[in-house]
N, C-alpha and C. Protein backbone atom coordinates (compact mmCIF):
# COMPACT_ATOMS: atom_id res chain seq x y z
N UNK A 1 -13.90 -3.22 -24.73
CA UNK A 1 -14.86 -2.13 -24.55
C UNK A 1 -14.19 -1.00 -23.79
N UNK A 2 -14.33 0.22 -24.28
CA UNK A 2 -13.72 1.36 -23.61
C UNK A 2 -14.53 1.77 -22.41
N UNK A 3 -13.87 2.43 -21.46
CA UNK A 3 -14.54 2.88 -20.27
C UNK A 3 -15.33 4.15 -20.56
N UNK A 4 -16.37 4.43 -19.77
CA UNK A 4 -17.17 5.63 -19.98
C UNK A 4 -16.36 6.92 -19.91
N UNK A 5 -15.26 6.91 -19.19
CA UNK A 5 -14.45 8.12 -19.05
C UNK A 5 -13.73 8.47 -20.34
N UNK A 6 -13.66 7.55 -21.27
CA UNK A 6 -12.98 7.81 -22.53
C UNK A 6 -11.48 7.81 -22.42
N UNK A 7 -10.92 7.14 -21.42
CA UNK A 7 -9.47 7.08 -21.24
C UNK A 7 -8.86 6.22 -22.34
N UNK A 8 -7.88 6.78 -23.03
CA UNK A 8 -7.20 6.06 -24.11
C UNK A 8 -5.70 6.31 -24.00
N UNK A 9 -4.98 5.37 -23.42
CA UNK A 9 -3.53 5.49 -23.29
C UNK A 9 -2.90 4.94 -24.57
N UNK A 10 -2.04 5.72 -25.18
CA UNK A 10 -1.45 5.36 -26.48
C UNK A 10 -0.72 4.02 -26.40
N UNK A 11 -0.83 3.25 -27.46
CA UNK A 11 -0.21 1.93 -27.52
C UNK A 11 1.31 2.02 -27.39
N UNK A 12 1.90 3.13 -27.86
CA UNK A 12 3.36 3.29 -27.76
C UNK A 12 3.82 3.40 -26.31
N UNK A 13 2.95 3.91 -25.45
CA UNK A 13 3.29 3.99 -24.02
C UNK A 13 3.43 2.58 -23.46
N UNK A 14 2.51 1.70 -23.86
CA UNK A 14 2.59 0.32 -23.39
C UNK A 14 3.80 -0.39 -24.00
N UNK A 15 4.08 -0.12 -25.26
CA UNK A 15 5.22 -0.76 -25.91
C UNK A 15 6.53 -0.43 -25.21
N UNK A 16 6.66 0.81 -24.76
CA UNK A 16 7.88 1.20 -24.04
C UNK A 16 8.02 0.38 -22.76
N UNK A 17 6.92 0.15 -22.09
CA UNK A 17 6.96 -0.63 -20.85
C UNK A 17 7.21 -2.10 -21.13
N UNK A 18 6.65 -2.60 -22.21
CA UNK A 18 6.91 -4.00 -22.57
C UNK A 18 8.40 -4.21 -22.87
N UNK A 19 9.02 -3.20 -23.46
CA UNK A 19 10.46 -3.29 -23.72
C UNK A 19 11.25 -3.37 -22.42
N UNK A 20 10.86 -2.56 -21.45
CA UNK A 20 11.54 -2.58 -20.15
C UNK A 20 11.35 -3.93 -19.47
N UNK A 21 10.12 -4.45 -19.51
CA UNK A 21 9.85 -5.74 -18.88
C UNK A 21 10.66 -6.85 -19.56
N UNK A 22 10.73 -6.80 -20.87
CA UNK A 22 11.54 -7.78 -21.59
C UNK A 22 13.00 -7.70 -21.21
N UNK A 23 13.48 -6.48 -21.01
CA UNK A 23 14.87 -6.29 -20.58
C UNK A 23 15.09 -6.88 -19.19
N UNK A 24 14.13 -6.66 -18.29
CA UNK A 24 14.25 -7.22 -16.94
C UNK A 24 14.31 -8.74 -16.98
N UNK A 25 13.43 -9.34 -17.78
CA UNK A 25 13.41 -10.80 -17.89
C UNK A 25 14.74 -11.32 -18.42
N UNK A 26 15.31 -10.62 -19.39
CA UNK A 26 16.58 -11.05 -19.98
C UNK A 26 17.72 -11.00 -18.98
N UNK A 27 17.85 -9.87 -18.27
CA UNK A 27 18.98 -9.74 -17.35
C UNK A 27 18.80 -10.63 -16.12
N UNK A 28 17.56 -10.83 -15.70
CA UNK A 28 17.30 -11.72 -14.56
C UNK A 28 17.66 -13.16 -14.92
N UNK A 29 17.27 -13.58 -16.11
CA UNK A 29 17.59 -14.94 -16.55
C UNK A 29 19.10 -15.15 -16.62
N UNK A 30 19.81 -14.13 -17.08
CA UNK A 30 21.28 -14.22 -17.14
C UNK A 30 21.88 -14.30 -15.74
N UNK A 31 21.40 -13.46 -14.83
CA UNK A 31 21.96 -13.43 -13.48
C UNK A 31 21.69 -14.72 -12.73
N UNK A 32 20.52 -15.31 -12.93
CA UNK A 32 20.21 -16.58 -12.26
C UNK A 32 21.22 -17.65 -12.65
N UNK A 33 21.59 -17.67 -13.92
CA UNK A 33 22.53 -18.69 -14.39
C UNK A 33 23.95 -18.45 -13.93
N UNK A 34 24.29 -17.19 -13.60
CA UNK A 34 25.67 -16.88 -13.20
C UNK A 34 25.89 -16.93 -11.69
N UNK A 35 24.83 -16.93 -10.91
CA UNK A 35 24.99 -16.94 -9.45
C UNK A 35 25.70 -18.20 -8.96
N UNK A 36 25.56 -19.30 -9.70
CA UNK A 36 26.20 -20.55 -9.28
C UNK A 36 27.73 -20.44 -9.32
N UNK A 37 28.25 -19.51 -10.12
CA UNK A 37 29.70 -19.37 -10.26
C UNK A 37 30.27 -18.30 -9.35
N UNK A 38 29.43 -17.69 -8.52
CA UNK A 38 29.89 -16.64 -7.62
C UNK A 38 30.16 -17.24 -6.24
N UNK A 39 31.31 -16.90 -5.68
CA UNK A 39 31.67 -17.42 -4.36
C UNK A 39 30.73 -16.87 -3.29
N UNK A 40 30.74 -17.55 -2.16
CA UNK A 40 29.90 -17.12 -1.04
C UNK A 40 28.61 -17.91 -0.99
N UNK A 41 27.62 -17.34 -0.34
CA UNK A 41 26.34 -18.03 -0.19
C UNK A 41 26.36 -18.97 1.00
N UNK A 42 25.29 -19.74 1.13
CA UNK A 42 25.17 -20.68 2.24
C UNK A 42 25.17 -22.10 1.69
N UNK A 43 25.61 -23.02 2.53
CA UNK A 43 25.65 -24.44 2.14
C UNK A 43 24.33 -25.09 2.52
N UNK A 44 23.63 -25.61 1.52
CA UNK A 44 22.36 -26.29 1.75
C UNK A 44 22.51 -27.78 1.44
N UNK A 45 21.81 -28.63 2.18
CA UNK A 45 21.89 -30.07 1.93
C UNK A 45 21.46 -30.40 0.50
N UNK A 46 22.27 -31.23 -0.16
CA UNK A 46 21.94 -31.66 -1.51
C UNK A 46 22.38 -30.71 -2.60
N UNK A 47 23.01 -29.60 -2.22
CA UNK A 47 23.48 -28.62 -3.21
C UNK A 47 25.00 -28.52 -3.10
N UNK A 48 25.68 -28.68 -4.23
CA UNK A 48 27.14 -28.69 -4.21
C UNK A 48 27.74 -27.31 -4.03
N UNK A 49 27.14 -26.31 -4.67
CA UNK A 49 27.68 -24.95 -4.61
C UNK A 49 26.98 -24.14 -3.53
N UNK A 50 27.66 -23.06 -3.11
CA UNK A 50 27.03 -22.14 -2.18
C UNK A 50 25.82 -21.48 -2.82
N UNK A 51 24.76 -21.34 -2.06
CA UNK A 51 23.51 -20.78 -2.59
C UNK A 51 23.31 -19.37 -2.05
N UNK A 52 23.17 -18.42 -2.94
CA UNK A 52 22.84 -17.04 -2.56
C UNK A 52 21.32 -16.96 -2.49
N UNK A 53 20.77 -17.48 -1.40
CA UNK A 53 19.33 -17.70 -1.34
C UNK A 53 18.53 -16.41 -1.48
N UNK A 54 18.98 -15.34 -0.85
CA UNK A 54 18.23 -14.09 -0.94
C UNK A 54 18.27 -13.51 -2.35
N UNK A 55 19.44 -13.56 -2.97
CA UNK A 55 19.55 -13.06 -4.34
C UNK A 55 18.76 -13.94 -5.30
N UNK A 56 18.84 -15.26 -5.10
CA UNK A 56 18.10 -16.19 -5.96
C UNK A 56 16.60 -15.93 -5.87
N UNK A 57 16.09 -15.83 -4.66
CA UNK A 57 14.66 -15.62 -4.48
C UNK A 57 14.22 -14.27 -5.04
N UNK A 58 15.06 -13.26 -4.87
CA UNK A 58 14.74 -11.93 -5.42
C UNK A 58 14.64 -11.99 -6.94
N UNK A 59 15.55 -12.74 -7.56
CA UNK A 59 15.53 -12.84 -9.02
C UNK A 59 14.32 -13.62 -9.52
N UNK A 60 13.96 -14.69 -8.81
CA UNK A 60 12.77 -15.44 -9.22
C UNK A 60 11.50 -14.62 -9.02
N UNK A 61 11.47 -13.84 -7.95
CA UNK A 61 10.33 -12.94 -7.74
C UNK A 61 10.26 -11.91 -8.87
N UNK A 62 11.41 -11.37 -9.25
CA UNK A 62 11.45 -10.41 -10.35
C UNK A 62 10.94 -11.03 -11.64
N UNK A 63 11.32 -12.28 -11.87
CA UNK A 63 10.87 -12.97 -13.08
C UNK A 63 9.35 -13.15 -13.07
N UNK A 64 8.82 -13.58 -11.93
CA UNK A 64 7.37 -13.80 -11.83
C UNK A 64 6.60 -12.49 -11.97
N UNK A 65 7.06 -11.44 -11.30
CA UNK A 65 6.39 -10.15 -11.39
C UNK A 65 6.43 -9.59 -12.81
N UNK A 66 7.54 -9.83 -13.50
CA UNK A 66 7.66 -9.35 -14.88
C UNK A 66 6.63 -10.02 -15.79
N UNK A 67 6.47 -11.33 -15.63
CA UNK A 67 5.51 -12.06 -16.46
C UNK A 67 4.08 -11.59 -16.16
N UNK A 68 3.78 -11.40 -14.87
CA UNK A 68 2.44 -10.93 -14.50
C UNK A 68 2.19 -9.53 -15.05
N UNK A 69 3.21 -8.68 -15.00
CA UNK A 69 3.04 -7.32 -15.54
C UNK A 69 2.81 -7.35 -17.05
N UNK A 70 3.47 -8.28 -17.74
CA UNK A 70 3.22 -8.44 -19.17
C UNK A 70 1.75 -8.75 -19.44
N UNK A 71 1.22 -9.67 -18.64
CA UNK A 71 -0.19 -10.05 -18.80
C UNK A 71 -1.10 -8.85 -18.55
N UNK A 72 -0.78 -8.07 -17.53
CA UNK A 72 -1.60 -6.89 -17.21
C UNK A 72 -1.55 -5.86 -18.34
N UNK A 73 -0.36 -5.61 -18.87
CA UNK A 73 -0.24 -4.64 -19.96
C UNK A 73 -1.04 -5.10 -21.19
N UNK A 74 -0.90 -6.37 -21.52
CA UNK A 74 -1.62 -6.88 -22.69
C UNK A 74 -3.13 -6.84 -22.45
N UNK A 75 -3.55 -7.18 -21.23
CA UNK A 75 -4.97 -7.18 -20.92
C UNK A 75 -5.58 -5.80 -20.84
N UNK A 76 -4.75 -4.77 -20.73
CA UNK A 76 -5.28 -3.41 -20.60
C UNK A 76 -5.60 -2.77 -21.95
N UNK A 77 -5.18 -3.39 -23.04
CA UNK A 77 -5.39 -2.79 -24.36
C UNK A 77 -6.69 -3.27 -24.98
N UNK A 78 -7.27 -2.41 -25.80
CA UNK A 78 -8.53 -2.75 -26.48
C UNK A 78 -8.25 -3.62 -27.70
N UNK A 79 -9.24 -4.40 -28.07
CA UNK A 79 -9.11 -5.26 -29.24
C UNK A 79 -9.78 -4.59 -30.44
N UNK A 80 -9.15 -3.52 -30.90
CA UNK A 80 -9.66 -2.82 -32.08
C UNK A 80 -8.48 -2.41 -32.94
N UNK A 81 -8.74 -1.56 -33.93
CA UNK A 81 -7.68 -1.19 -34.86
C UNK A 81 -6.61 -0.32 -34.23
N UNK A 82 -6.91 0.33 -33.09
CA UNK A 82 -5.94 1.19 -32.43
C UNK A 82 -5.18 0.46 -31.32
N UNK A 83 -5.89 -0.38 -30.58
CA UNK A 83 -5.26 -1.13 -29.50
C UNK A 83 -4.83 -0.28 -28.32
N UNK A 84 -5.46 0.89 -28.14
CA UNK A 84 -5.11 1.76 -27.03
C UNK A 84 -5.48 1.11 -25.70
N UNK A 85 -4.82 1.53 -24.63
CA UNK A 85 -5.07 0.97 -23.30
C UNK A 85 -6.13 1.81 -22.59
N UNK A 86 -7.16 1.15 -22.08
CA UNK A 86 -8.24 1.89 -21.43
C UNK A 86 -8.67 1.25 -20.12
N UNK A 87 -7.86 0.35 -19.58
CA UNK A 87 -8.23 -0.38 -18.37
C UNK A 87 -7.20 -0.13 -17.27
N UNK A 88 -7.67 -0.15 -16.01
CA UNK A 88 -6.76 0.11 -14.89
C UNK A 88 -5.68 -0.96 -14.73
N UNK A 89 -5.80 -2.07 -15.46
CA UNK A 89 -4.73 -3.08 -15.44
C UNK A 89 -3.41 -2.49 -15.93
N UNK A 90 -3.50 -1.42 -16.71
CA UNK A 90 -2.28 -0.77 -17.19
C UNK A 90 -1.45 -0.26 -16.01
N UNK A 91 -2.10 0.37 -15.04
CA UNK A 91 -1.39 0.89 -13.87
C UNK A 91 -0.88 -0.26 -13.01
N UNK A 92 -1.67 -1.33 -12.90
CA UNK A 92 -1.22 -2.51 -12.16
C UNK A 92 0.06 -3.06 -12.79
N UNK A 93 0.07 -3.14 -14.11
CA UNK A 93 1.28 -3.60 -14.80
C UNK A 93 2.46 -2.69 -14.53
N UNK A 94 2.20 -1.38 -14.48
CA UNK A 94 3.25 -0.41 -14.18
C UNK A 94 3.85 -0.67 -12.80
N UNK A 95 2.99 -0.87 -11.81
CA UNK A 95 3.45 -1.09 -10.44
C UNK A 95 4.24 -2.40 -10.33
N UNK A 96 3.75 -3.44 -10.98
CA UNK A 96 4.45 -4.72 -10.95
C UNK A 96 5.79 -4.63 -11.66
N UNK A 97 5.84 -3.85 -12.72
CA UNK A 97 7.10 -3.65 -13.44
C UNK A 97 8.15 -3.02 -12.53
N UNK A 98 7.74 -2.02 -11.76
CA UNK A 98 8.68 -1.37 -10.85
C UNK A 98 9.15 -2.32 -9.76
N UNK A 99 8.23 -3.13 -9.22
CA UNK A 99 8.62 -4.09 -8.19
C UNK A 99 9.55 -5.16 -8.76
N UNK A 100 9.30 -5.57 -9.99
CA UNK A 100 10.19 -6.53 -10.63
C UNK A 100 11.58 -5.94 -10.80
N UNK A 101 11.63 -4.67 -11.18
CA UNK A 101 12.91 -3.99 -11.34
C UNK A 101 13.64 -3.90 -10.00
N UNK A 102 12.90 -3.59 -8.93
CA UNK A 102 13.52 -3.50 -7.61
C UNK A 102 14.08 -4.86 -7.17
N UNK A 103 13.33 -5.93 -7.41
CA UNK A 103 13.81 -7.26 -7.05
C UNK A 103 15.03 -7.64 -7.87
N UNK A 104 15.05 -7.25 -9.14
CA UNK A 104 16.22 -7.52 -9.98
C UNK A 104 17.44 -6.77 -9.45
N UNK A 105 17.23 -5.54 -9.00
CA UNK A 105 18.34 -4.75 -8.42
C UNK A 105 18.90 -5.46 -7.20
N UNK A 106 18.00 -5.96 -6.34
CA UNK A 106 18.45 -6.70 -5.16
C UNK A 106 19.25 -7.93 -5.56
N UNK A 107 18.76 -8.66 -6.55
CA UNK A 107 19.45 -9.87 -7.00
C UNK A 107 20.81 -9.61 -7.60
N UNK A 108 21.03 -8.40 -8.10
CA UNK A 108 22.32 -8.06 -8.67
C UNK A 108 23.29 -7.49 -7.63
N UNK A 109 22.82 -6.55 -6.84
CA UNK A 109 23.72 -5.82 -5.96
C UNK A 109 24.05 -6.57 -4.67
N UNK A 110 23.12 -7.39 -4.18
CA UNK A 110 23.38 -8.09 -2.92
C UNK A 110 24.58 -9.04 -3.01
N UNK A 111 24.64 -9.94 -4.00
CA UNK A 111 25.84 -10.80 -4.07
C UNK A 111 27.10 -10.04 -4.40
N UNK A 112 26.97 -8.91 -5.10
CA UNK A 112 28.15 -8.11 -5.43
C UNK A 112 28.76 -7.50 -4.17
N UNK A 113 27.92 -7.00 -3.28
CA UNK A 113 28.45 -6.45 -2.03
C UNK A 113 29.09 -7.54 -1.18
N UNK A 114 28.53 -8.74 -1.23
CA UNK A 114 29.12 -9.86 -0.49
C UNK A 114 30.49 -10.21 -1.06
N UNK A 115 30.63 -10.11 -2.38
CA UNK A 115 31.91 -10.40 -3.01
C UNK A 115 33.00 -9.43 -2.54
N UNK A 116 32.66 -8.16 -2.42
CA UNK A 116 33.64 -7.19 -1.94
C UNK A 116 34.09 -7.53 -0.52
N UNK A 117 33.17 -7.99 0.31
CA UNK A 117 33.52 -8.36 1.68
C UNK A 117 34.46 -9.57 1.69
N UNK A 118 34.18 -10.56 0.84
CA UNK A 118 35.03 -11.75 0.77
C UNK A 118 36.42 -11.41 0.25
N UNK A 119 36.48 -10.54 -0.75
CA UNK A 119 37.78 -10.15 -1.31
C UNK A 119 38.59 -9.38 -0.27
N UNK A 120 37.91 -8.53 0.51
CA UNK A 120 38.61 -7.74 1.53
C UNK A 120 39.23 -8.65 2.58
N UNK A 121 38.58 -9.78 2.89
CA UNK A 121 39.13 -10.72 3.86
C UNK A 121 40.39 -11.40 3.32
N UNK A 122 40.45 -11.60 2.01
CA UNK A 122 41.59 -12.28 1.40
C UNK A 122 42.70 -11.32 0.99
N UNK A 123 42.37 -10.05 0.88
CA UNK A 123 43.37 -9.04 0.50
C UNK A 123 43.29 -7.86 1.45
N UNK A 124 43.73 -8.03 2.70
CA UNK A 124 43.60 -6.96 3.70
C UNK A 124 44.36 -5.70 3.34
N UNK A 125 45.39 -5.81 2.49
CA UNK A 125 46.16 -4.62 2.12
C UNK A 125 45.33 -3.65 1.28
N UNK A 126 44.26 -4.13 0.67
CA UNK A 126 43.38 -3.28 -0.13
C UNK A 126 42.02 -3.07 0.54
N UNK A 127 41.98 -3.27 1.84
CA UNK A 127 40.70 -3.22 2.55
C UNK A 127 40.02 -1.87 2.42
N UNK A 128 40.77 -0.78 2.55
CA UNK A 128 40.17 0.55 2.49
C UNK A 128 39.61 0.85 1.10
N UNK A 129 40.35 0.44 0.07
CA UNK A 129 39.88 0.67 -1.29
C UNK A 129 38.63 -0.16 -1.58
N UNK A 130 38.65 -1.41 -1.16
CA UNK A 130 37.49 -2.27 -1.38
C UNK A 130 36.27 -1.77 -0.61
N UNK A 131 36.52 -1.22 0.59
CA UNK A 131 35.41 -0.65 1.36
C UNK A 131 34.80 0.54 0.63
N UNK A 132 35.66 1.33 -0.01
CA UNK A 132 35.16 2.47 -0.78
C UNK A 132 34.35 2.00 -1.99
N UNK A 133 34.86 0.97 -2.68
CA UNK A 133 34.13 0.42 -3.82
C UNK A 133 32.78 -0.14 -3.39
N UNK A 134 32.79 -0.85 -2.27
CA UNK A 134 31.54 -1.44 -1.77
C UNK A 134 30.54 -0.35 -1.41
N UNK A 135 31.02 0.71 -0.76
CA UNK A 135 30.13 1.81 -0.40
C UNK A 135 29.53 2.46 -1.63
N UNK A 136 30.35 2.63 -2.67
CA UNK A 136 29.85 3.25 -3.90
C UNK A 136 28.78 2.37 -4.55
N UNK A 137 29.03 1.06 -4.59
CA UNK A 137 28.07 0.14 -5.20
C UNK A 137 26.77 0.11 -4.41
N UNK A 138 26.88 0.04 -3.08
CA UNK A 138 25.68 0.01 -2.24
C UNK A 138 24.89 1.31 -2.38
N UNK A 139 25.59 2.43 -2.45
CA UNK A 139 24.91 3.72 -2.58
C UNK A 139 24.15 3.81 -3.90
N UNK A 140 24.81 3.45 -4.99
CA UNK A 140 24.14 3.50 -6.29
C UNK A 140 22.99 2.50 -6.36
N UNK A 141 23.23 1.30 -5.84
CA UNK A 141 22.16 0.31 -5.83
C UNK A 141 20.99 0.74 -4.98
N UNK A 142 21.27 1.40 -3.86
CA UNK A 142 20.20 1.87 -2.98
C UNK A 142 19.35 2.93 -3.65
N UNK A 143 20.01 3.85 -4.36
CA UNK A 143 19.26 4.89 -5.07
C UNK A 143 18.34 4.26 -6.11
N UNK A 144 18.89 3.28 -6.86
CA UNK A 144 18.08 2.61 -7.87
C UNK A 144 16.91 1.85 -7.23
N UNK A 145 17.18 1.19 -6.10
CA UNK A 145 16.13 0.42 -5.43
C UNK A 145 15.02 1.32 -4.91
N UNK A 146 15.39 2.42 -4.25
CA UNK A 146 14.38 3.35 -3.73
C UNK A 146 13.57 3.97 -4.86
N UNK A 147 14.22 4.28 -5.97
CA UNK A 147 13.49 4.85 -7.10
C UNK A 147 12.48 3.85 -7.66
N UNK A 148 12.87 2.57 -7.70
CA UNK A 148 11.98 1.55 -8.25
C UNK A 148 10.83 1.21 -7.32
N UNK A 149 11.09 1.18 -6.01
CA UNK A 149 10.05 0.78 -5.05
C UNK A 149 9.12 1.93 -4.69
N UNK A 150 9.66 3.13 -4.58
CA UNK A 150 8.86 4.24 -4.08
C UNK A 150 8.62 5.34 -5.12
N UNK A 151 9.68 5.86 -5.72
CA UNK A 151 9.52 7.01 -6.61
C UNK A 151 8.69 6.68 -7.84
N UNK A 152 9.07 5.63 -8.56
CA UNK A 152 8.35 5.27 -9.78
C UNK A 152 6.87 4.99 -9.54
N UNK A 153 6.53 4.11 -8.58
CA UNK A 153 5.11 3.84 -8.31
C UNK A 153 4.34 5.08 -7.86
N UNK A 154 4.96 5.94 -7.06
CA UNK A 154 4.26 7.16 -6.62
C UNK A 154 3.90 8.03 -7.82
N UNK A 155 4.85 8.19 -8.73
CA UNK A 155 4.59 8.99 -9.93
C UNK A 155 3.47 8.36 -10.76
N UNK A 156 3.52 7.04 -10.93
CA UNK A 156 2.48 6.36 -11.72
C UNK A 156 1.11 6.52 -11.08
N UNK A 157 1.05 6.37 -9.76
CA UNK A 157 -0.24 6.48 -9.07
C UNK A 157 -0.77 7.91 -9.10
N UNK A 158 0.11 8.89 -8.98
CA UNK A 158 -0.33 10.28 -9.02
C UNK A 158 -0.77 10.70 -10.42
N UNK A 159 -0.17 10.11 -11.44
CA UNK A 159 -0.49 10.49 -12.82
C UNK A 159 -1.52 9.57 -13.46
N UNK A 160 -2.01 8.62 -12.69
CA UNK A 160 -3.00 7.69 -13.23
C UNK A 160 -4.24 8.45 -13.72
N UNK A 161 -4.69 8.19 -14.95
CA UNK A 161 -5.83 8.93 -15.51
C UNK A 161 -7.19 8.36 -15.11
N UNK A 162 -7.20 7.33 -14.28
CA UNK A 162 -8.46 6.68 -13.95
C UNK A 162 -9.17 7.39 -12.81
N UNK A 163 -10.34 6.91 -12.46
CA UNK A 163 -11.18 7.59 -11.48
C UNK A 163 -10.52 7.62 -10.11
N UNK A 164 -10.98 8.54 -9.27
CA UNK A 164 -10.42 8.68 -7.93
C UNK A 164 -10.59 7.40 -7.13
N UNK A 165 -11.75 6.78 -7.24
CA UNK A 165 -12.00 5.53 -6.52
C UNK A 165 -11.04 4.43 -6.96
N UNK A 166 -10.83 4.34 -8.26
CA UNK A 166 -9.90 3.33 -8.79
C UNK A 166 -8.49 3.60 -8.32
N UNK A 167 -8.07 4.85 -8.34
CA UNK A 167 -6.71 5.20 -7.93
C UNK A 167 -6.49 4.92 -6.45
N UNK A 168 -7.48 5.19 -5.63
CA UNK A 168 -7.35 4.90 -4.20
C UNK A 168 -7.21 3.39 -3.98
N UNK A 169 -8.00 2.63 -4.72
CA UNK A 169 -7.91 1.17 -4.62
C UNK A 169 -6.53 0.68 -5.06
N UNK A 170 -6.00 1.28 -6.11
CA UNK A 170 -4.68 0.90 -6.59
C UNK A 170 -3.60 1.23 -5.55
N UNK A 171 -3.75 2.34 -4.87
CA UNK A 171 -2.77 2.72 -3.85
C UNK A 171 -2.77 1.75 -2.69
N UNK A 172 -3.96 1.41 -2.21
CA UNK A 172 -4.04 0.45 -1.11
C UNK A 172 -3.57 -0.94 -1.56
N UNK A 173 -3.88 -1.27 -2.80
CA UNK A 173 -3.42 -2.55 -3.33
C UNK A 173 -1.91 -2.63 -3.40
N UNK A 174 -1.28 -1.52 -3.80
CA UNK A 174 0.19 -1.50 -3.88
C UNK A 174 0.81 -1.61 -2.48
N UNK A 175 0.21 -0.92 -1.52
CA UNK A 175 0.71 -1.01 -0.15
C UNK A 175 0.60 -2.44 0.38
N UNK A 176 -0.53 -3.09 0.09
CA UNK A 176 -0.71 -4.47 0.53
C UNK A 176 0.31 -5.39 -0.14
N UNK A 177 0.58 -5.13 -1.41
CA UNK A 177 1.57 -5.94 -2.13
C UNK A 177 2.97 -5.73 -1.55
N UNK A 178 3.29 -4.49 -1.20
CA UNK A 178 4.58 -4.21 -0.58
C UNK A 178 4.73 -4.94 0.74
N UNK A 179 3.69 -4.89 1.57
CA UNK A 179 3.74 -5.56 2.87
C UNK A 179 3.97 -7.06 2.68
N UNK A 180 3.24 -7.66 1.74
CA UNK A 180 3.41 -9.09 1.49
C UNK A 180 4.79 -9.42 0.95
N UNK A 181 5.29 -8.60 0.05
CA UNK A 181 6.62 -8.85 -0.53
C UNK A 181 7.71 -8.66 0.51
N UNK A 182 7.57 -7.63 1.33
CA UNK A 182 8.56 -7.41 2.38
C UNK A 182 8.53 -8.54 3.40
N UNK A 183 7.35 -9.05 3.72
CA UNK A 183 7.25 -10.19 4.65
C UNK A 183 7.95 -11.41 4.06
N UNK A 184 7.73 -11.66 2.78
CA UNK A 184 8.38 -12.79 2.12
C UNK A 184 9.90 -12.64 2.14
N UNK A 185 10.38 -11.44 1.82
CA UNK A 185 11.82 -11.19 1.83
C UNK A 185 12.41 -11.40 3.22
N UNK A 186 11.65 -11.02 4.24
CA UNK A 186 12.14 -11.19 5.60
C UNK A 186 12.22 -12.66 5.98
N UNK A 187 11.27 -13.46 5.51
CA UNK A 187 11.32 -14.90 5.78
C UNK A 187 12.54 -15.53 5.11
N UNK A 188 12.87 -15.06 3.92
CA UNK A 188 14.07 -15.55 3.25
C UNK A 188 15.31 -15.15 4.03
N UNK A 189 15.31 -13.93 4.57
CA UNK A 189 16.43 -13.47 5.39
C UNK A 189 16.59 -14.35 6.63
N UNK A 190 15.49 -14.68 7.28
CA UNK A 190 15.54 -15.54 8.46
C UNK A 190 16.07 -16.93 8.11
N UNK A 191 15.63 -17.44 6.96
CA UNK A 191 16.09 -18.76 6.52
C UNK A 191 17.59 -18.74 6.27
N UNK A 192 18.07 -17.70 5.59
CA UNK A 192 19.50 -17.60 5.31
C UNK A 192 20.29 -17.46 6.61
N UNK A 193 19.79 -16.65 7.52
CA UNK A 193 20.50 -16.41 8.77
C UNK A 193 20.60 -17.68 9.62
N UNK A 194 19.64 -18.58 9.47
CA UNK A 194 19.67 -19.82 10.25
C UNK A 194 20.83 -20.73 9.84
N UNK A 195 21.42 -20.48 8.67
CA UNK A 195 22.56 -21.27 8.20
C UNK A 195 23.88 -20.51 8.38
N UNK A 196 23.83 -19.35 9.00
CA UNK A 196 25.02 -18.54 9.19
C UNK A 196 25.40 -18.48 10.66
N UNK A 197 26.67 -18.25 10.96
CA UNK A 197 27.09 -18.18 12.37
C UNK A 197 26.63 -16.93 13.10
N UNK A 198 26.22 -15.90 12.35
CA UNK A 198 25.79 -14.67 13.01
C UNK A 198 24.42 -14.87 13.65
N UNK A 199 24.07 -14.03 14.64
CA UNK A 199 22.78 -14.18 15.33
C UNK A 199 21.60 -14.07 14.38
N UNK A 200 20.55 -14.80 14.69
CA UNK A 200 19.34 -14.78 13.88
C UNK A 200 18.61 -13.46 14.06
N UNK A 201 18.25 -12.77 12.98
CA UNK A 201 17.55 -11.49 13.12
C UNK A 201 16.21 -11.68 13.83
N UNK A 202 15.83 -10.71 14.62
CA UNK A 202 14.54 -10.77 15.29
C UNK A 202 13.42 -10.42 14.35
N UNK A 203 12.20 -10.80 14.72
CA UNK A 203 11.05 -10.49 13.88
C UNK A 203 10.87 -8.98 13.72
N UNK A 204 11.34 -8.21 14.71
CA UNK A 204 11.21 -6.76 14.62
C UNK A 204 11.99 -6.18 13.47
N UNK A 205 13.03 -6.89 13.02
CA UNK A 205 13.82 -6.40 11.90
C UNK A 205 13.07 -6.48 10.57
N UNK A 206 11.86 -6.96 10.61
CA UNK A 206 11.03 -6.98 9.40
C UNK A 206 10.95 -5.59 8.78
N UNK A 207 10.89 -4.58 9.63
CA UNK A 207 10.71 -3.22 9.13
C UNK A 207 11.94 -2.70 8.40
N UNK A 208 13.07 -3.39 8.55
CA UNK A 208 14.24 -3.02 7.76
C UNK A 208 14.00 -3.23 6.27
N UNK A 209 13.03 -4.10 5.96
CA UNK A 209 12.73 -4.35 4.55
C UNK A 209 12.20 -3.10 3.86
N UNK A 210 11.66 -2.16 4.63
CA UNK A 210 11.25 -0.89 4.05
C UNK A 210 12.45 -0.13 3.49
N UNK A 211 13.62 -0.43 4.05
CA UNK A 211 14.88 0.15 3.60
C UNK A 211 15.82 -1.01 3.28
N UNK A 212 15.42 -1.86 2.38
CA UNK A 212 16.09 -3.14 2.16
C UNK A 212 17.59 -3.05 1.91
N UNK A 213 18.10 -2.03 1.22
CA UNK A 213 19.55 -1.96 1.02
C UNK A 213 20.35 -1.97 2.32
N UNK A 214 19.73 -1.64 3.45
CA UNK A 214 20.44 -1.71 4.73
C UNK A 214 20.78 -3.15 5.10
N UNK A 215 20.07 -4.11 4.51
CA UNK A 215 20.32 -5.53 4.83
C UNK A 215 21.23 -6.20 3.81
N UNK A 216 21.71 -5.46 2.81
CA UNK A 216 22.58 -6.07 1.80
C UNK A 216 23.94 -6.39 2.40
């Protein structure tokens, strides 16, 4: 049933987003399988290889968010000959898609930056070059992460065609989701740090998750 406002988002708009979500699921699935072959990580009881716990959890979160966004996109379309989207679930799917993309970026760039650090320890003669490469990777990854977490959702929320009340609810809902996701990421960080020789981060460092690339 269409909404009284007569909002009809073209089906091709949803198809483009479904393509992106499918791409995220594909690359996340590939990265999950390859993390076992990457050096570094932490040693956990019962696991033979080093575990990149933060990258692993980020990738699984990306996978879950992608599937939920698929459901939202499909649920936002009408069951008629046009199949246009007329429900606010479309915007929810958009927001989840961006968060899934951000988590996928974390799962890719975090272990890569760790690899540069490990290589620099084994090849000190190339330390300056590796530091430059690492800085370039972190910078590009940070730009992509900020665009996915903040820029994309802001544009979607500002351009949402739904009522003002609905859009305000969506904004508060996204903020609540961010707080919950950042809290979860921080708990993973604390867990990882408990297996490392470096000092355990304080609870106050939770706010670094707002600028997560700083913790890569």
